[in-house]
Amino acid sequence: MSRALAALRREHPHVRVSTREGTAPSLVRVLRSGTLDLALLSSRPPHRSPDTDDPPLRAEPLLEVRLAVAVPAGGRFAGRDTVAAEEIAGEPRISSPATADEPLLGVWPGLPGRPRTCHAVRDWLTKLHLVAAGAGVTTAPSTLLPAVPPGVRLVVVEGVTEEVRRVSLVRPPGPATASTNALVRALRQEAAELAD
């Protein structure tokens, strides 16, 4: 999203954008209240509408993102591009705090047993720096690769179904402002570049 915002500033310097992080349900609530013009929401299959209210929100798939596991570059998986699900099952986890609305993010889906979460943080950069310090592993979208700090590698988990998340642009029903449409175009462009 940062590249989309940079492109928007270059092409439309008069447009002001404010961002807000939140769970999908909380962002849907603020979209419905009219205090947010659009949201980027991640979903897992089967991809359903972000809410059931009428009129429906407008959801446009932007990008399919594959999940990987961030591991310490100098740790037990050093130099590897893949790991088996069984190999990471017992590793200490760095996860986002779970809420009633959102499941624990950071643990590979479907691993056997109970995950051992050692650090619960929301911020991706903090998670990745904890991985670099050898504090554990975390599940991460492959789109984070450009932001991965030294000492971290993203590896593919083999022997399990590939985990894919869809990122969708979600807007309230009805016409959008010219500023919102400019941001939508910038986000579409960045998504197209990431997909290549």
N, C-alpha and C. Protein backbone atom coordinates (compact mmCIF):
# COMPACT_ATOMS: atom_id res chain seq x y z
N MET A 1 0.81 -1.19 0.00
CA MET A 1 0.00 0.00 0.00
C MET A 1 0.86 1.26 0.00
N SER A 2 2.05 1.18 0.55
CA SER A 2 2.89 2.38 0.62
C SER A 2 3.25 2.90 -0.77
N ARG A 3 3.50 2.01 -1.72
CA ARG A 3 3.82 2.46 -3.07
C ARG A 3 2.60 3.11 -3.72
N ALA A 4 1.42 2.59 -3.42
CA ALA A 4 0.19 3.19 -3.96
C ALA A 4 0.01 4.60 -3.41
N LEU A 5 0.30 4.79 -2.13
CA LEU A 5 0.17 6.12 -1.53
C LEU A 5 1.20 7.08 -2.11
N ALA A 6 2.41 6.59 -2.36
CA ALA A 6 3.45 7.44 -2.97
C ALA A 6 3.03 7.85 -4.38
N ALA A 7 2.50 6.92 -5.16
CA ALA A 7 2.04 7.23 -6.51
C ALA A 7 0.88 8.22 -6.48
N LEU A 8 -0.02 8.04 -5.52
CA LEU A 8 -1.15 8.96 -5.39
C LEU A 8 -0.67 10.37 -5.07
N ARG A 9 0.32 10.50 -4.18
CA ARG A 9 0.86 11.83 -3.83
C ARG A 9 1.50 12.50 -5.04
N ARG A 10 2.18 11.72 -5.88
CA ARG A 10 2.80 12.29 -7.08
C ARG A 10 1.75 12.76 -8.08
N GLU A 11 0.73 11.94 -8.32
CA GLU A 11 -0.25 12.22 -9.35
C GLU A 11 -1.39 13.12 -8.88
N HIS A 12 -1.70 13.06 -7.60
CA HIS A 12 -2.82 13.84 -7.04
C HIS A 12 -2.38 14.42 -5.69
N PRO A 13 -1.50 15.41 -5.69
CA PRO A 13 -0.97 15.92 -4.43
C PRO A 13 -2.02 16.57 -3.52
N HIS A 14 -3.17 16.91 -4.06
CA HIS A 14 -4.23 17.52 -3.26
C HIS A 14 -5.02 16.49 -2.44
N VAL A 15 -4.91 15.20 -2.78
CA VAL A 15 -5.68 14.16 -2.09
C VAL A 15 -4.99 13.82 -0.78
N ARG A 16 -5.72 13.85 0.31
CA ARG A 16 -5.21 13.51 1.63
C ARG A 16 -5.77 12.16 2.05
N VAL A 17 -4.89 11.27 2.50
CA VAL A 17 -5.30 9.93 2.90
C VAL A 17 -4.91 9.71 4.35
N SER A 18 -5.84 9.17 5.11
CA SER A 18 -5.57 8.72 6.48
C SER A 18 -5.78 7.22 6.49
N THR A 19 -4.94 6.51 7.23
CA THR A 19 -5.07 5.06 7.30
C THR A 19 -5.41 4.64 8.72
N ARG A 20 -5.97 3.45 8.83
CA ARG A 20 -6.36 2.89 10.11
C ARG A 20 -6.20 1.38 10.01
N GLU A 21 -5.57 0.78 11.01
CA GLU A 21 -5.44 -0.67 11.06
C GLU A 21 -6.54 -1.22 11.93
N GLY A 22 -7.05 -2.37 11.57
CA GLY A 22 -8.08 -3.00 12.39
C GLY A 22 -8.42 -4.37 11.88
N THR A 23 -9.23 -5.07 12.63
CA THR A 23 -9.72 -6.38 12.20
C THR A 23 -10.75 -6.16 11.09
N ALA A 24 -11.00 -7.19 10.31
CA ALA A 24 -12.00 -7.08 9.24
C ALA A 24 -13.37 -6.65 9.79
N PRO A 25 -13.88 -7.26 10.86
CA PRO A 25 -15.18 -6.82 11.37
C PRO A 25 -15.20 -5.36 11.83
N SER A 26 -14.12 -4.90 12.46
CA SER A 26 -14.12 -3.50 12.92
C SER A 26 -14.06 -2.54 11.73
N LEU A 27 -13.31 -2.89 10.69
CA LEU A 27 -13.24 -2.03 9.51
C LEU A 27 -14.57 -2.02 8.76
N VAL A 28 -15.26 -3.14 8.73
CA VAL A 28 -16.58 -3.18 8.09
C VAL A 28 -17.54 -2.27 8.85
N ARG A 29 -17.48 -2.30 10.18
CA ARG A 29 -18.36 -1.42 10.97
C ARG A 29 -18.12 0.05 10.65
N VAL A 30 -16.85 0.47 10.53
CA VAL A 30 -16.61 1.89 10.24
C VAL A 30 -16.93 2.23 8.78
N LEU A 31 -16.81 1.27 7.87
CA LEU A 31 -17.29 1.49 6.51
C LEU A 31 -18.79 1.75 6.53
N ARG A 32 -19.50 0.92 7.24
CA ARG A 32 -20.96 1.05 7.32
C ARG A 32 -21.37 2.35 8.00
N SER A 33 -20.57 2.83 8.94
CA SER A 33 -20.92 4.07 9.65
C SER A 33 -20.65 5.30 8.80
N GLY A 34 -19.90 5.15 7.72
CA GLY A 34 -19.59 6.27 6.84
C GLY A 34 -18.35 7.04 7.23
N THR A 35 -17.60 6.56 8.21
CA THR A 35 -16.38 7.27 8.61
C THR A 35 -15.14 6.75 7.89
N LEU A 36 -15.30 5.76 7.05
CA LEU A 36 -14.21 5.21 6.26
C LEU A 36 -14.71 5.07 4.83
N ASP A 37 -13.88 5.48 3.86
CA ASP A 37 -14.29 5.43 2.45
C ASP A 37 -13.99 4.10 1.79
N LEU A 38 -12.95 3.42 2.23
CA LEU A 38 -12.62 2.11 1.68
C LEU A 38 -11.70 1.38 2.64
N ALA A 39 -11.65 0.07 2.45
CA ALA A 39 -10.80 -0.77 3.31
C ALA A 39 -10.18 -1.86 2.46
N LEU A 40 -8.98 -2.27 2.84
CA LEU A 40 -8.35 -3.46 2.27
C LEU A 40 -8.54 -4.58 3.29
N LEU A 41 -9.27 -5.62 2.88
CA LEU A 41 -9.57 -6.72 3.78
C LEU A 41 -8.99 -8.01 3.23
N SER A 42 -8.44 -8.80 4.12
CA SER A 42 -7.90 -10.11 3.76
C SER A 42 -8.92 -11.17 4.13
N SER A 43 -9.03 -12.18 3.27
CA SER A 43 -9.95 -13.29 3.55
C SER A 43 -9.32 -14.60 3.15
N ARG A 44 -9.81 -15.65 3.78
CA ARG A 44 -9.36 -17.00 3.43
C ARG A 44 -10.52 -17.74 2.76
N PRO A 45 -10.22 -18.74 1.95
CA PRO A 45 -11.31 -19.47 1.28
C PRO A 45 -12.20 -20.16 2.32
N PRO A 46 -13.48 -20.31 2.07
CA PRO A 46 -14.20 -19.74 0.93
C PRO A 46 -14.43 -18.25 1.16
N HIS A 47 -14.25 -17.47 0.14
CA HIS A 47 -14.33 -16.02 0.27
C HIS A 47 -15.80 -15.60 0.26
N ARG A 48 -16.21 -15.06 1.38
CA ARG A 48 -17.60 -14.61 1.52
C ARG A 48 -17.65 -13.10 1.58
N SER A 49 -18.85 -12.58 1.46
CA SER A 49 -19.05 -11.14 1.61
C SER A 49 -18.59 -10.74 3.01
N PRO A 50 -17.99 -9.56 3.17
CA PRO A 50 -17.49 -9.16 4.47
C PRO A 50 -18.58 -8.91 5.51
N ASP A 51 -19.83 -8.75 5.08
CA ASP A 51 -20.94 -8.65 6.02
C ASP A 51 -22.22 -9.06 5.31
N THR A 52 -23.32 -9.10 6.06
CA THR A 52 -24.57 -9.57 5.48
C THR A 52 -25.64 -8.47 5.44
N ASP A 53 -25.24 -7.24 5.69
CA ASP A 53 -26.20 -6.14 5.69
C ASP A 53 -26.58 -5.75 4.26
N ASP A 54 -27.70 -5.04 4.17
CA ASP A 54 -28.14 -4.49 2.88
C ASP A 54 -28.09 -2.98 2.96
N PRO A 55 -27.77 -2.30 1.90
CA PRO A 55 -27.26 -2.85 0.65
C PRO A 55 -25.85 -3.42 0.86
N PRO A 56 -25.46 -4.38 0.04
CA PRO A 56 -24.15 -5.02 0.23
C PRO A 56 -22.99 -4.06 -0.03
N LEU A 57 -21.92 -4.30 0.70
CA LEU A 57 -20.68 -3.57 0.43
C LEU A 57 -20.14 -4.02 -0.93
N ARG A 58 -19.39 -3.15 -1.57
CA ARG A 58 -18.78 -3.47 -2.86
C ARG A 58 -17.39 -4.03 -2.58
N ALA A 59 -17.17 -5.29 -2.89
CA ALA A 59 -15.88 -5.94 -2.65
C ALA A 59 -15.25 -6.31 -3.99
N GLU A 60 -14.03 -5.82 -4.21
CA GLU A 60 -13.30 -6.07 -5.44
C GLU A 60 -11.99 -6.80 -5.10
N PRO A 61 -11.85 -8.06 -5.53
CA PRO A 61 -10.58 -8.75 -5.28
C PRO A 61 -9.43 -8.02 -5.96
N LEU A 62 -8.37 -7.76 -5.21
CA LEU A 62 -7.20 -7.06 -5.76
C LEU A 62 -6.03 -8.01 -5.99
N LEU A 63 -5.85 -8.95 -5.08
CA LEU A 63 -4.61 -9.72 -5.09
C LEU A 63 -4.79 -11.03 -4.36
N GLU A 64 -4.18 -12.08 -4.87
CA GLU A 64 -4.10 -13.36 -4.16
C GLU A 64 -2.68 -13.44 -3.59
N VAL A 65 -2.58 -13.65 -2.29
CA VAL A 65 -1.28 -13.64 -1.60
C VAL A 65 -1.02 -15.02 -1.01
N ARG A 66 0.15 -15.57 -1.31
CA ARG A 66 0.53 -16.86 -0.75
C ARG A 66 1.23 -16.64 0.59
N LEU A 67 0.91 -17.51 1.54
CA LEU A 67 1.56 -17.43 2.84
C LEU A 67 2.85 -18.23 2.83
N ALA A 68 3.79 -17.77 3.61
CA ALA A 68 5.07 -18.45 3.81
C ALA A 68 5.36 -18.39 5.31
N VAL A 69 6.47 -18.97 5.69
CA VAL A 69 6.89 -18.89 7.09
C VAL A 69 8.19 -18.12 7.15
N ALA A 70 8.22 -17.11 8.01
CA ALA A 70 9.44 -16.33 8.24
C ALA A 70 10.26 -17.06 9.30
N VAL A 71 11.51 -17.39 8.95
CA VAL A 71 12.40 -18.12 9.85
C VAL A 71 13.71 -17.35 10.00
N PRO A 72 14.43 -17.55 11.11
CA PRO A 72 15.74 -16.91 11.24
C PRO A 72 16.70 -17.44 10.18
N ALA A 73 17.38 -16.54 9.48
CA ALA A 73 18.29 -16.94 8.39
C ALA A 73 19.43 -17.80 8.89
N GLY A 74 19.84 -17.63 10.14
CA GLY A 74 20.94 -18.42 10.68
C GLY A 74 20.48 -19.55 11.57
N GLY A 75 19.19 -19.84 11.60
CA GLY A 75 18.64 -20.87 12.48
C GLY A 75 18.67 -22.25 11.86
N ARG A 76 17.86 -23.12 12.38
CA ARG A 76 17.88 -24.53 11.95
C ARG A 76 17.44 -24.73 10.51
N PHE A 77 16.77 -23.73 9.93
CA PHE A 77 16.33 -23.85 8.53
C PHE A 77 17.21 -23.01 7.59
N ALA A 78 18.41 -22.68 8.04
CA ALA A 78 19.33 -21.83 7.27
C ALA A 78 19.56 -22.41 5.87
N GLY A 79 19.50 -21.54 4.88
CA GLY A 79 19.81 -21.92 3.51
C GLY A 79 18.72 -22.72 2.81
N ARG A 80 17.60 -22.94 3.45
CA ARG A 80 16.54 -23.73 2.83
C ARG A 80 15.46 -22.83 2.26
N ASP A 81 14.83 -23.31 1.19
CA ASP A 81 13.72 -22.58 0.58
C ASP A 81 12.37 -23.17 0.99
N THR A 82 12.39 -24.41 1.52
CA THR A 82 11.15 -25.06 1.93
C THR A 82 11.36 -25.76 3.27
N VAL A 83 10.26 -25.94 3.98
CA VAL A 83 10.25 -26.74 5.20
C VAL A 83 8.99 -27.59 5.17
N ALA A 84 9.03 -28.71 5.87
CA ALA A 84 7.84 -29.55 5.99
C ALA A 84 7.01 -29.05 7.17
N ALA A 85 5.71 -29.23 7.08
CA ALA A 85 4.81 -28.78 8.15
C ALA A 85 5.22 -29.37 9.49
N GLU A 86 5.62 -30.62 9.49
CA GLU A 86 6.02 -31.28 10.75
C GLU A 86 7.24 -30.61 11.38
N GLU A 87 8.12 -30.05 10.55
CA GLU A 87 9.33 -29.40 11.06
C GLU A 87 9.02 -28.12 11.83
N ILE A 88 7.98 -27.42 11.43
CA ILE A 88 7.68 -26.16 12.11
C ILE A 88 6.63 -26.33 13.20
N ALA A 89 6.04 -27.53 13.32
CA ALA A 89 4.96 -27.74 14.28
C ALA A 89 5.37 -27.39 15.71
N GLY A 90 6.60 -27.71 16.10
CA GLY A 90 7.03 -27.47 17.48
C GLY A 90 7.79 -26.18 17.69
N GLU A 91 7.97 -25.39 16.64
CA GLU A 91 8.74 -24.15 16.76
C GLU A 91 7.97 -23.10 17.57
N PRO A 92 8.68 -22.30 18.37
CA PRO A 92 7.99 -21.21 19.06
C PRO A 92 7.44 -20.21 18.05
N ARG A 93 6.26 -19.67 18.33
CA ARG A 93 5.56 -18.80 17.40
C ARG A 93 5.59 -17.34 17.85
N ILE A 94 5.61 -16.48 16.85
CA ILE A 94 5.40 -15.05 17.04
C ILE A 94 4.09 -14.76 16.32
N SER A 95 3.06 -14.39 17.05
CA SER A 95 1.72 -14.28 16.49
C SER A 95 1.09 -12.94 16.85
N SER A 96 0.03 -12.63 16.12
CA SER A 96 -0.81 -11.49 16.50
C SER A 96 -1.73 -11.95 17.61
N PRO A 97 -2.09 -11.05 18.51
CA PRO A 97 -3.04 -11.45 19.55
C PRO A 97 -4.38 -11.84 18.90
N ALA A 98 -4.94 -12.94 19.36
CA ALA A 98 -6.25 -13.38 18.85
C ALA A 98 -7.34 -12.54 19.50
N THR A 99 -8.39 -12.29 18.74
CA THR A 99 -9.56 -11.59 19.26
C THR A 99 -10.78 -12.44 18.97
N ALA A 100 -11.91 -12.04 19.50
CA ALA A 100 -13.15 -12.77 19.21
C ALA A 100 -13.48 -12.70 17.72
N ASP A 101 -13.06 -11.59 17.07
CA ASP A 101 -13.37 -11.39 15.66
C ASP A 101 -12.37 -12.04 14.72
N GLU A 102 -11.13 -12.20 15.17
CA GLU A 102 -10.06 -12.66 14.29
C GLU A 102 -9.29 -13.80 14.94
N PRO A 103 -8.96 -14.84 14.17
CA PRO A 103 -8.16 -15.93 14.72
C PRO A 103 -6.71 -15.50 14.90
N LEU A 104 -5.95 -16.32 15.61
CA LEU A 104 -4.53 -16.08 15.83
C LEU A 104 -3.81 -16.07 14.50
N LEU A 105 -3.07 -15.00 14.19
CA LEU A 105 -2.31 -14.91 12.95
C LEU A 105 -0.83 -15.05 13.28
N GLY A 106 -0.19 -15.98 12.64
CA GLY A 106 1.23 -16.23 12.90
C GLY A 106 1.50 -17.71 12.99
N VAL A 107 0.46 -18.48 13.24
CA VAL A 107 0.57 -19.93 13.33
C VAL A 107 0.10 -20.50 12.00
N TRP A 108 0.89 -21.41 11.42
CA TRP A 108 0.51 -22.00 10.14
C TRP A 108 -0.82 -22.74 10.32
N PRO A 109 -1.81 -22.47 9.45
CA PRO A 109 -3.12 -23.11 9.59
C PRO A 109 -3.03 -24.63 9.49
N GLY A 110 -3.75 -25.31 10.35
CA GLY A 110 -3.85 -26.76 10.28
C GLY A 110 -2.71 -27.56 10.85
N LEU A 111 -1.77 -26.92 11.55
CA LEU A 111 -0.69 -27.69 12.17
C LEU A 111 -1.25 -28.53 13.31
N PRO A 112 -0.70 -29.73 13.51
CA PRO A 112 -1.20 -30.55 14.61
C PRO A 112 -0.75 -29.98 15.96
N GLY A 113 -1.51 -30.30 16.98
CA GLY A 113 -1.13 -29.90 18.34
C GLY A 113 -1.46 -28.45 18.63
N ARG A 114 -1.10 -28.05 19.83
CA ARG A 114 -1.37 -26.68 20.27
C ARG A 114 -0.12 -25.83 20.03
N PRO A 115 -0.25 -24.71 19.31
CA PRO A 115 0.93 -23.88 19.04
C PRO A 115 1.46 -23.24 20.32
N ARG A 116 2.78 -23.08 20.36
CA ARG A 116 3.44 -22.44 21.50
C ARG A 116 3.79 -21.02 21.09
N THR A 117 2.89 -20.07 21.44
CA THR A 117 3.12 -18.67 21.10
C THR A 117 3.96 -18.04 22.20
N CYS A 118 5.13 -17.55 21.83
CA CYS A 118 6.04 -16.93 22.79
C CYS A 118 5.91 -15.41 22.78
N HIS A 119 5.52 -14.84 21.65
CA HIS A 119 5.38 -13.39 21.52
C HIS A 119 4.10 -13.09 20.75
N ALA A 120 3.28 -12.20 21.30
CA ALA A 120 2.03 -11.79 20.64
C ALA A 120 2.12 -10.29 20.34
N VAL A 121 2.30 -9.97 19.06
CA VAL A 121 2.41 -8.57 18.63
C VAL A 121 1.64 -8.40 17.32
N ARG A 122 1.11 -7.20 17.10
CA ARG A 122 0.37 -6.93 15.87
C ARG A 122 1.26 -6.45 14.73
N ASP A 123 2.27 -5.69 15.04
CA ASP A 123 3.09 -5.02 14.04
C ASP A 123 3.98 -6.02 13.29
N TRP A 124 3.90 -6.00 11.94
CA TRP A 124 4.69 -6.92 11.12
C TRP A 124 6.19 -6.72 11.30
N LEU A 125 6.64 -5.48 11.33
CA LEU A 125 8.07 -5.24 11.44
C LEU A 125 8.61 -5.78 12.77
N THR A 126 7.86 -5.60 13.84
CA THR A 126 8.26 -6.14 15.14
C THR A 126 8.33 -7.66 15.07
N LYS A 127 7.33 -8.29 14.46
CA LYS A 127 7.35 -9.75 14.32
C LYS A 127 8.61 -10.20 13.58
N LEU A 128 8.92 -9.53 12.46
CA LEU A 128 10.07 -9.94 11.66
C LEU A 128 11.39 -9.71 12.40
N HIS A 129 11.48 -8.65 13.18
CA HIS A 129 12.71 -8.43 13.96
C HIS A 129 12.84 -9.46 15.07
N LEU A 130 11.72 -9.91 15.64
CA LEU A 130 11.78 -11.00 16.63
C LEU A 130 12.25 -12.30 15.96
N VAL A 131 11.79 -12.54 14.74
CA VAL A 131 12.28 -13.71 13.99
C VAL A 131 13.78 -13.59 13.77
N ALA A 132 14.24 -12.42 13.33
CA ALA A 132 15.68 -12.21 13.08
C ALA A 132 16.50 -12.44 14.34
N ALA A 133 15.92 -12.14 15.50
CA ALA A 133 16.62 -12.33 16.77
C ALA A 133 16.59 -13.78 17.23
N GLY A 134 15.91 -14.65 16.47
CA GLY A 134 15.87 -16.07 16.84
C GLY A 134 14.79 -16.40 17.85
N ALA A 135 13.82 -15.50 18.04
CA ALA A 135 12.79 -15.70 19.07
C ALA A 135 11.66 -16.63 18.63
N GLY A 136 11.64 -17.01 17.36
CA GLY A 136 10.59 -17.90 16.88
C GLY A 136 10.37 -17.72 15.39
N VAL A 137 9.28 -18.30 14.91
CA VAL A 137 8.90 -18.20 13.50
C VAL A 137 7.50 -17.59 13.45
N THR A 138 7.13 -17.07 12.27
CA THR A 138 5.79 -16.53 12.10
C THR A 138 5.32 -16.76 10.67
N THR A 139 4.03 -16.88 10.51
CA THR A 139 3.43 -16.96 9.19
C THR A 139 3.37 -15.55 8.62
N ALA A 140 3.73 -15.41 7.36
CA ALA A 140 3.78 -14.08 6.75
C ALA A 140 3.35 -14.16 5.29
N PRO A 141 2.68 -13.12 4.80
CA PRO A 141 2.35 -13.10 3.38
C PRO A 141 3.60 -12.86 2.55
N SER A 142 3.66 -13.49 1.40
CA SER A 142 4.83 -13.36 0.53
C SER A 142 5.05 -11.92 0.07
N THR A 143 4.02 -11.09 0.12
CA THR A 143 4.17 -9.68 -0.29
C THR A 143 5.05 -8.90 0.68
N LEU A 144 5.37 -9.46 1.84
CA LEU A 144 6.26 -8.78 2.79
C LEU A 144 7.73 -8.93 2.41
N LEU A 145 8.04 -9.76 1.42
CA LEU A 145 9.43 -10.03 1.06
C LEU A 145 10.28 -8.76 0.93
N PRO A 146 9.82 -7.69 0.27
CA PRO A 146 10.66 -6.49 0.18
C PRO A 146 10.97 -5.84 1.53
N ALA A 147 10.15 -6.09 2.54
CA ALA A 147 10.36 -5.46 3.86
C ALA A 147 11.08 -6.37 4.85
N VAL A 148 11.43 -7.57 4.43
CA VAL A 148 12.07 -8.52 5.35
C VAL A 148 13.44 -7.99 5.74
N PRO A 149 13.69 -7.87 7.06
CA PRO A 149 14.99 -7.35 7.51
C PRO A 149 16.08 -8.41 7.36
N PRO A 150 17.34 -7.99 7.42
CA PRO A 150 18.43 -8.96 7.40
C PRO A 150 18.24 -9.96 8.55
N GLY A 151 18.60 -11.19 8.27
CA GLY A 151 18.47 -12.22 9.30
C GLY A 151 17.18 -13.00 9.25
N VAL A 152 16.34 -12.72 8.23
CA VAL A 152 15.05 -13.41 8.10
C VAL A 152 14.93 -13.94 6.68
N ARG A 153 14.40 -15.16 6.58
CA ARG A 153 14.09 -15.75 5.28
C ARG A 153 12.63 -16.16 5.27
N LEU A 154 11.98 -16.01 4.12
CA LEU A 154 10.63 -16.55 3.95
C LEU A 154 10.77 -17.88 3.23
N VAL A 155 10.20 -18.93 3.82
CA VAL A 155 10.29 -20.27 3.23
C VAL A 155 8.89 -20.80 2.98
N VAL A 156 8.78 -21.66 1.98
CA VAL A 156 7.51 -22.29 1.61
C VAL A 156 7.31 -23.52 2.48
N VAL A 157 6.08 -23.73 2.93
CA VAL A 157 5.74 -24.93 3.68
C VAL A 157 5.26 -25.97 2.69
N GLU A 158 5.93 -27.13 2.68
CA GLU A 158 5.56 -28.19 1.73
C GLU A 158 4.85 -29.32 2.45
N GLY A 159 4.14 -30.14 1.68
CA GLY A 159 3.44 -31.29 2.23
C GLY A 159 2.06 -30.94 2.78
N VAL A 160 1.62 -29.71 2.58
CA VAL A 160 0.29 -29.28 3.00
C VAL A 160 -0.33 -28.47 1.87
N THR A 161 -1.62 -28.26 1.95
CA THR A 161 -2.29 -27.43 0.96
C THR A 161 -1.73 -26.02 1.02
N GLU A 162 -1.49 -25.44 -0.13
CA GLU A 162 -0.99 -24.07 -0.18
C GLU A 162 -2.00 -23.14 0.48
N GLU A 163 -1.51 -22.22 1.30
CA GLU A 163 -2.37 -21.25 1.97
C GLU A 163 -2.34 -19.94 1.19
N VAL A 164 -3.51 -19.52 0.74
CA VAL A 164 -3.64 -18.30 -0.05
C VAL A 164 -4.66 -17.40 0.62
N ARG A 165 -4.35 -16.14 0.67
CA ARG A 165 -5.28 -15.14 1.19
C ARG A 165 -5.62 -14.16 0.07
N ARG A 166 -6.86 -13.75 0.03
CA ARG A 166 -7.30 -12.77 -0.95
C ARG A 166 -7.35 -11.41 -0.27
N VAL A 167 -6.79 -10.42 -0.93
CA VAL A 167 -6.89 -9.04 -0.46
C VAL A 167 -7.91 -8.36 -1.36
N SER A 168 -8.96 -7.84 -0.74
CA SER A 168 -10.03 -7.18 -1.48
C SER A 168 -10.16 -5.73 -1.07
N LEU A 169 -10.52 -4.92 -2.02
CA LEU A 169 -10.83 -3.52 -1.76
C LEU A 169 -12.34 -3.47 -1.51
N VAL A 170 -12.72 -2.98 -0.35
CA VAL A 170 -14.13 -2.99 0.03
C VAL A 170 -14.60 -1.55 0.24
N ARG A 171 -15.73 -1.22 -0.39
CA ARG A 171 -16.28 0.14 -0.31
C ARG A 171 -17.76 0.08 0.03
N PRO A 172 -18.26 1.15 0.60
CA PRO A 172 -19.71 1.21 0.81
C PRO A 172 -20.43 1.27 -0.53
N PRO A 173 -21.70 0.89 -0.56
CA PRO A 173 -22.47 1.01 -1.81
C PRO A 173 -22.64 2.47 -2.18
N GLY A 174 -22.89 2.70 -3.43
CA GLY A 174 -23.11 4.07 -3.89
C GLY A 174 -21.89 4.66 -4.55
N PRO A 175 -22.03 5.86 -5.08
CA PRO A 175 -20.92 6.49 -5.80
C PRO A 175 -19.79 6.89 -4.86
N ALA A 176 -18.58 6.86 -5.39
CA ALA A 176 -17.39 7.26 -4.63
C ALA A 176 -16.95 8.64 -5.06
N THR A 177 -16.19 9.29 -4.20
CA THR A 177 -15.66 10.61 -4.53
C THR A 177 -14.52 10.47 -5.53
N ALA A 178 -14.15 11.57 -6.16
CA ALA A 178 -13.02 11.57 -7.09
C ALA A 178 -11.74 11.18 -6.36
N SER A 179 -11.57 11.64 -5.12
CA SER A 179 -10.37 11.30 -4.35
C SER A 179 -10.31 9.80 -4.06
N THR A 180 -11.45 9.22 -3.68
CA THR A 180 -11.49 7.78 -3.42
C THR A 180 -11.18 7.00 -4.69
N ASN A 181 -11.74 7.44 -5.82
CA ASN A 181 -11.48 6.75 -7.08
C ASN A 181 -10.00 6.83 -7.47
N ALA A 182 -9.35 7.95 -7.18
CA ALA A 182 -7.91 8.08 -7.46
C ALA A 182 -7.12 7.09 -6.61
N LEU A 183 -7.49 6.95 -5.35
CA LEU A 183 -6.80 5.99 -4.48
C LEU A 183 -7.06 4.57 -4.96
N VAL A 184 -8.27 4.26 -5.37
CA VAL A 184 -8.59 2.93 -5.89
C VAL A 184 -7.71 2.61 -7.10
N ARG A 185 -7.54 3.55 -8.01
CA ARG A 185 -6.69 3.32 -9.18
C ARG A 185 -5.24 3.05 -8.76
N ALA A 186 -4.74 3.80 -7.78
CA ALA A 186 -3.37 3.59 -7.31
C ALA A 186 -3.23 2.22 -6.66
N LEU A 187 -4.22 1.80 -5.89
CA LEU A 187 -4.16 0.48 -5.25
C LEU A 187 -4.24 -0.64 -6.29
N ARG A 188 -5.07 -0.47 -7.30
CA ARG A 188 -5.14 -1.47 -8.37
C ARG A 188 -3.80 -1.60 -9.09
N GLN A 189 -3.16 -0.46 -9.35
CA GLN A 189 -1.87 -0.48 -10.04
C GLN A 189 -0.82 -1.21 -9.20
N GLU A 190 -0.77 -0.90 -7.90
CA GLU A 190 0.20 -1.59 -7.04
C GLU A 190 -0.09 -3.08 -6.97
N ALA A 191 -1.37 -3.47 -6.88
CA ALA A 191 -1.72 -4.87 -6.85
C ALA A 191 -1.31 -5.58 -8.13
N ALA A 192 -1.49 -4.92 -9.27
CA ALA A 192 -1.08 -5.51 -10.55
C ALA A 192 0.44 -5.71 -10.60
N GLU A 193 1.19 -4.77 -10.07
CA GLU A 193 2.65 -4.89 -10.04
C GLU A 193 3.09 -6.03 -9.11
N LEU A 194 2.42 -6.17 -7.97
CA LEU A 194 2.76 -7.25 -7.04
C LEU A 194 2.43 -8.61 -7.63
N ALA A 195 1.38 -8.68 -8.45
CA ALA A 195 0.96 -9.95 -9.04
C ALA A 195 1.92 -10.43 -10.12
N ASP A 196 2.67 -9.50 -10.72
CA ASP A 196 3.59 -9.87 -11.82
C ASP A 196 4.79 -10.64 -11.31
